[in-house]
Amino acid sequence: MSDYQAVYDAVRSRFHCSLDGGEIANSIASMFFPASQQAVQAQYDAQHAEAERVRPSVLFRPRIGIDGSQWLAIYGENIQDGVCGCGDSPDAAMRNFDRAWSARLDGATLRIDTPDNNQAPADIPRRTS
């Protein structure tokens, strides 16, 4: 018996009826779908990891500290001369830092909103559109 015949008989035994192209395609797709879904998920995970790896807060590694009830991520000598992000958690401060890193200078300042809006937010350069 050839290898082809063994595969044919195995597939045919799953259907208990005559074989047509649609049944064969569905059977083969159902056998390989989980593997293809895992490959898609692995590709997504790799792209997400790469996007996280190139964030400014990862590349430039700002100092992290607490000022009152807010976390600060600071790159530079101080808040006035460097880039700063603040937030309720270290992650929020780092994400705010990433936004501040991309902001453009135009001489004006933009107020960073704090989540509870009870704290006096820090000034960063205003981003113009």
C-alpha atoms as a PDB file:
ATOM      1  CA  MET A   1       0.000   0.000   0.000  1.00  0.00           C
ATOM      2  CA  SER A   2       1.360   3.411  -0.930  1.00  0.00           C
ATOM      3  CA  ASP A   3       1.565   6.329   1.510  1.00  0.00           C
ATOM      4  CA  TYR A   4      -0.999   8.195  -0.567  1.00  0.00           C
ATOM      5  CA  GLN A   5      -3.486   5.357  -0.233  1.00  0.00           C
ATOM      6  CA  ALA A   6      -3.030   5.267   3.563  1.00  0.00           C
ATOM      7  CA  VAL A   7      -3.728   9.016   3.849  1.00  0.00           C
ATOM      8  CA  TYR A   8      -6.705   8.715   1.491  1.00  0.00           C
ATOM      9  CA  ASP A   9      -8.183   5.880   3.519  1.00  0.00           C
ATOM     10  CA  ALA A  10      -7.668   7.735   6.804  1.00  0.00           C
ATOM     11  CA  VAL A  11      -9.417  10.882   5.535  1.00  0.00           C
ATOM     12  CA  ARG A  12     -12.175   8.867   3.898  1.00  0.00           C
ATOM     13  CA  SER A  13     -12.849   7.013   7.147  1.00  0.00           C
ATOM     14  CA  ARG A  14     -13.677  10.304   8.880  1.00  0.00           C
ATOM     15  CA  PHE A  15     -16.586  11.098   6.568  1.00  0.00           C
ATOM     16  CA  HIS A  16     -18.634   7.901   6.234  1.00  0.00           C
ATOM     17  CA  CYS A  17     -19.822   9.177   2.872  1.00  0.00           C
ATOM     18  CA  SER A  18     -18.522  10.014  -0.533  1.00  0.00           C
ATOM     19  CA  LEU A  19     -15.654  12.460  -0.638  1.00  0.00           C
ATOM     20  CA  ASP A  20     -16.086  15.822  -2.269  1.00  0.00           C
ATOM     21  CA  GLY A  21     -13.678  18.770  -2.350  1.00  0.00           C
ATOM     22  CA  GLY A  22     -15.496  20.789   0.338  1.00  0.00           C
ATOM     23  CA  GLU A  23     -15.423  18.026   2.941  1.00  0.00           C
ATOM     24  CA  ILE A  24     -11.735  17.367   2.359  1.00  0.00           C
ATOM     25  CA  ALA A  25     -10.861  21.058   2.583  1.00  0.00           C
ATOM     26  CA  ASN A  26     -12.859  21.479   5.807  1.00  0.00           C
ATOM     27  CA  SER A  27     -11.243  18.432   7.342  1.00  0.00           C
ATOM     28  CA  ILE A  28      -7.731  19.567   6.499  1.00  0.00           C
ATOM     29  CA  ALA A  29      -8.442  23.132   7.672  1.00  0.00           C
ATOM     30  CA  SER A  30      -9.791  21.855  11.006  1.00  0.00           C
ATOM     31  CA  MET A  31      -6.612  19.829  11.554  1.00  0.00           C
ATOM     32  CA  PHE A  32      -4.250  22.749  10.856  1.00  0.00           C
ATOM     33  CA  PHE A  33      -6.205  25.768  12.158  1.00  0.00           C
ATOM     34  CA  PRO A  34      -4.892  25.593  15.751  1.00  0.00           C
ATOM     35  CA  ALA A  35      -1.287  25.604  14.501  1.00  0.00           C
ATOM     36  CA  SER A  36      -1.905  28.541  12.162  1.00  0.00           C
ATOM     37  CA  GLN A  37      -3.671  30.461  14.954  1.00  0.00           C
ATOM     38  CA  GLN A  38      -0.648  29.906  17.207  1.00  0.00           C
ATOM     39  CA  ALA A  39       1.637  31.226  14.473  1.00  0.00           C
ATOM     40  CA  VAL A  40      -0.508  34.363  14.091  1.00  0.00           C
ATOM     41  CA  GLN A  41      -0.508  34.898  17.870  1.00  0.00           C
ATOM     42  CA  ALA A  42       3.275  34.432  18.026  1.00  0.00           C
ATOM     43  CA  GLN A  43       3.732  37.016  15.265  1.00  0.00           C
ATOM     44  CA  TYR A  44       1.452  39.478  17.105  1.00  0.00           C
ATOM     45  CA  ASP A  45       3.349  38.923  20.366  1.00  0.00           C
ATOM     46  CA  ALA A  46       6.685  39.529  18.632  1.00  0.00           C
ATOM     47  CA  GLN A  47       5.421  42.776  17.064  1.00  0.00           C
ATOM     48  CA  HIS A  48       4.023  43.961  20.402  1.00  0.00           C
ATOM     49  CA  ALA A  49       7.310  43.174  22.186  1.00  0.00           C
ATOM     50  CA  GLU A  50       9.267  45.096  19.534  1.00  0.00           C
ATOM     51  CA  ALA A  51       6.952  48.110  19.862  1.00  0.00           C
ATOM     52  CA  GLU A  52       7.454  48.118  23.634  1.00  0.00           C
ATOM     53  CA  ARG A  53      11.216  47.775  23.252  1.00  0.00           C
ATOM     54  CA  VAL A  54      11.543  50.967  21.188  1.00  0.00           C
ATOM     55  CA  ARG A  55       9.483  53.244  23.464  1.00  0.00           C
ATOM     56  CA  PRO A  56      11.451  56.347  24.587  1.00  0.00           C
ATOM     57  CA  SER A  57      11.032  55.354  28.244  1.00  0.00           C
ATOM     58  CA  VAL A  58      12.709  52.015  27.503  1.00  0.00           C
ATOM     59  CA  LEU A  59      15.485  53.404  25.299  1.00  0.00           C
ATOM     60  CA  PHE A  60      16.453  56.414  27.455  1.00  0.00           C
ATOM     61  CA  ARG A  61      15.624  54.939  30.883  1.00  0.00           C
ATOM     62  CA  PRO A  62      14.475  58.055  32.770  1.00  0.00           C
ATOM     63  CA  ARG A  63      14.858  58.242  36.546  1.00  0.00           C
ATOM     64  CA  ILE A  64      11.747  57.208  38.472  1.00  0.00           C
ATOM     65  CA  GLY A  65      10.741  58.859  41.727  1.00  0.00           C
ATOM     66  CA  ILE A  66       7.793  59.979  43.814  1.00  0.00           C
ATOM     67  CA  ASP A  67       6.780  63.619  44.250  1.00  0.00           C
ATOM     68  CA  GLY A  68       3.860  63.888  46.669  1.00  0.00           C
ATOM     69  CA  SER A  69       1.271  61.382  45.483  1.00  0.00           C
ATOM     70  CA  GLN A  70       2.511  61.176  41.875  1.00  0.00           C
ATOM     71  CA  TRP A  71       5.207  59.064  40.258  1.00  0.00           C
ATOM     72  CA  LEU A  72       7.676  61.001  38.093  1.00  0.00           C
ATOM     73  CA  ALA A  73       9.795  59.801  35.183  1.00  0.00           C
ATOM     74  CA  ILE A  74      12.552  62.382  34.564  1.00  0.00           C
ATOM     75  CA  TYR A  75      15.228  62.473  31.854  1.00  0.00           C
ATOM     76  CA  GLY A  76      17.694  65.321  32.333  1.00  0.00           C
ATOM     77  CA  GLU A  77      19.005  67.457  35.173  1.00  0.00           C
ATOM     78  CA  ASN A  78      15.584  68.605  36.404  1.00  0.00           C
ATOM     79  CA  ILE A  79      11.945  68.980  35.381  1.00  0.00           C
ATOM     80  CA  GLN A  80      12.454  72.411  33.780  1.00  0.00           C
ATOM     81  CA  ASP A  81      15.437  71.437  31.613  1.00  0.00           C
ATOM     82  CA  GLY A  82      14.588  67.817  30.870  1.00  0.00           C
ATOM     83  CA  VAL A  83      11.642  65.675  29.861  1.00  0.00           C
ATOM     84  CA  CYS A  84       9.191  64.606  32.529  1.00  0.00           C
ATOM     85  CA  GLY A  85       6.122  62.408  32.790  1.00  0.00           C
ATOM     86  CA  CYS A  86       3.901  61.964  35.843  1.00  0.00           C
ATOM     87  CA  GLY A  87       1.163  59.529  36.802  1.00  0.00           C
ATOM     88  CA  ASP A  88      -0.491  57.509  39.542  1.00  0.00           C
ATOM     89  CA  SER A  89       1.748  54.511  38.830  1.00  0.00           C
ATOM     90  CA  PRO A  90       5.242  54.003  37.417  1.00  0.00           C
ATOM     91  CA  ASP A  91       3.657  52.689  34.202  1.00  0.00           C
ATOM     92  CA  ALA A  92       1.426  55.775  33.881  1.00  0.00           C
ATOM     93  CA  ALA A  93       4.440  58.047  34.469  1.00  0.00           C
ATOM     94  CA  MET A  94       6.457  56.204  31.806  1.00  0.00           C
ATOM     95  CA  ARG A  95       3.617  56.388  29.263  1.00  0.00           C
ATOM     96  CA  ASN A  96       3.197  60.096  30.028  1.00  0.00           C
ATOM     97  CA  PHE A  97       6.976  60.450  29.561  1.00  0.00           C
ATOM     98  CA  ASP A  98       6.661  58.788  26.123  1.00  0.00           C
ATOM     99  CA  ARG A  99       4.024  61.373  25.113  1.00  0.00           C
ATOM    100  CA  ALA A 100       6.131  64.241  26.473  1.00  0.00           C
ATOM    101  CA  TRP A 101       9.189  62.938  24.585  1.00  0.00           C
ATOM    102  CA  SER A 102       7.302  63.278  21.301  1.00  0.00           C
ATOM    103  CA  ALA A 103       5.923  66.760  22.060  1.00  0.00           C
ATOM    104  CA  ARG A 104       7.270  69.645  19.951  1.00  0.00           C
ATOM    105  CA  LEU A 105       8.674  72.873  21.381  1.00  0.00           C
ATOM    106  CA  ASP A 106       6.977  76.094  20.329  1.00  0.00           C
ATOM    107  CA  GLY A 107       7.560  78.363  23.326  1.00  0.00           C
ATOM    108  CA  ALA A 108       4.210  77.723  25.008  1.00  0.00           C
ATOM    109  CA  THR A 109       3.477  75.165  27.678  1.00  0.00           C
ATOM    110  CA  LEU A 110       0.889  72.437  27.992  1.00  0.00           C
ATOM    111  CA  ARG A 111      -0.543  71.268  31.296  1.00  0.00           C
ATOM    112  CA  ILE A 112      -0.395  67.519  31.904  1.00  0.00           C
ATOM    113  CA  ASP A 113      -3.719  66.321  33.255  1.00  0.00           C
ATOM    114  CA  THR A 114      -3.490  64.189  36.342  1.00  0.00           C
ATOM    115  CA  PRO A 115      -6.057  61.421  36.767  1.00  0.00           C
ATOM    116  CA  ASP A 116      -7.704  62.980  39.829  1.00  0.00           C
ATOM    117  CA  ASN A 117      -7.193  66.626  38.684  1.00  0.00           C
ATOM    118  CA  ASN A 118      -6.567  67.632  42.307  1.00  0.00           C
ATOM    119  CA  GLN A 119      -2.789  67.838  41.940  1.00  0.00           C
ATOM    120  CA  ALA A 120      -0.973  70.736  40.320  1.00  0.00           C
ATOM    121  CA  PRO A 121       0.269  69.152  37.066  1.00  0.00           C
ATOM    122  CA  ALA A 122       3.757  69.675  35.683  1.00  0.00           C
ATOM    123  CA  ASP A 123       4.422  71.858  32.644  1.00  0.00           C
ATOM    124  CA  ILE A 124       5.771  70.357  29.431  1.00  0.00           C
ATOM    125  CA  PRO A 125       6.272  71.929  26.020  1.00  0.00           C
ATOM    126  CA  ARG A 126       3.048  72.242  23.989  1.00  0.00           C
ATOM    127  CA  ARG A 127       2.648  69.970  21.019  1.00  0.00           C
ATOM    128  CA  THR A 128       1.372  71.702  17.903  1.00  0.00           C
ATOM    129  CA  SER A 129      -0.605  69.922  15.218  1.00  0.00           C
END
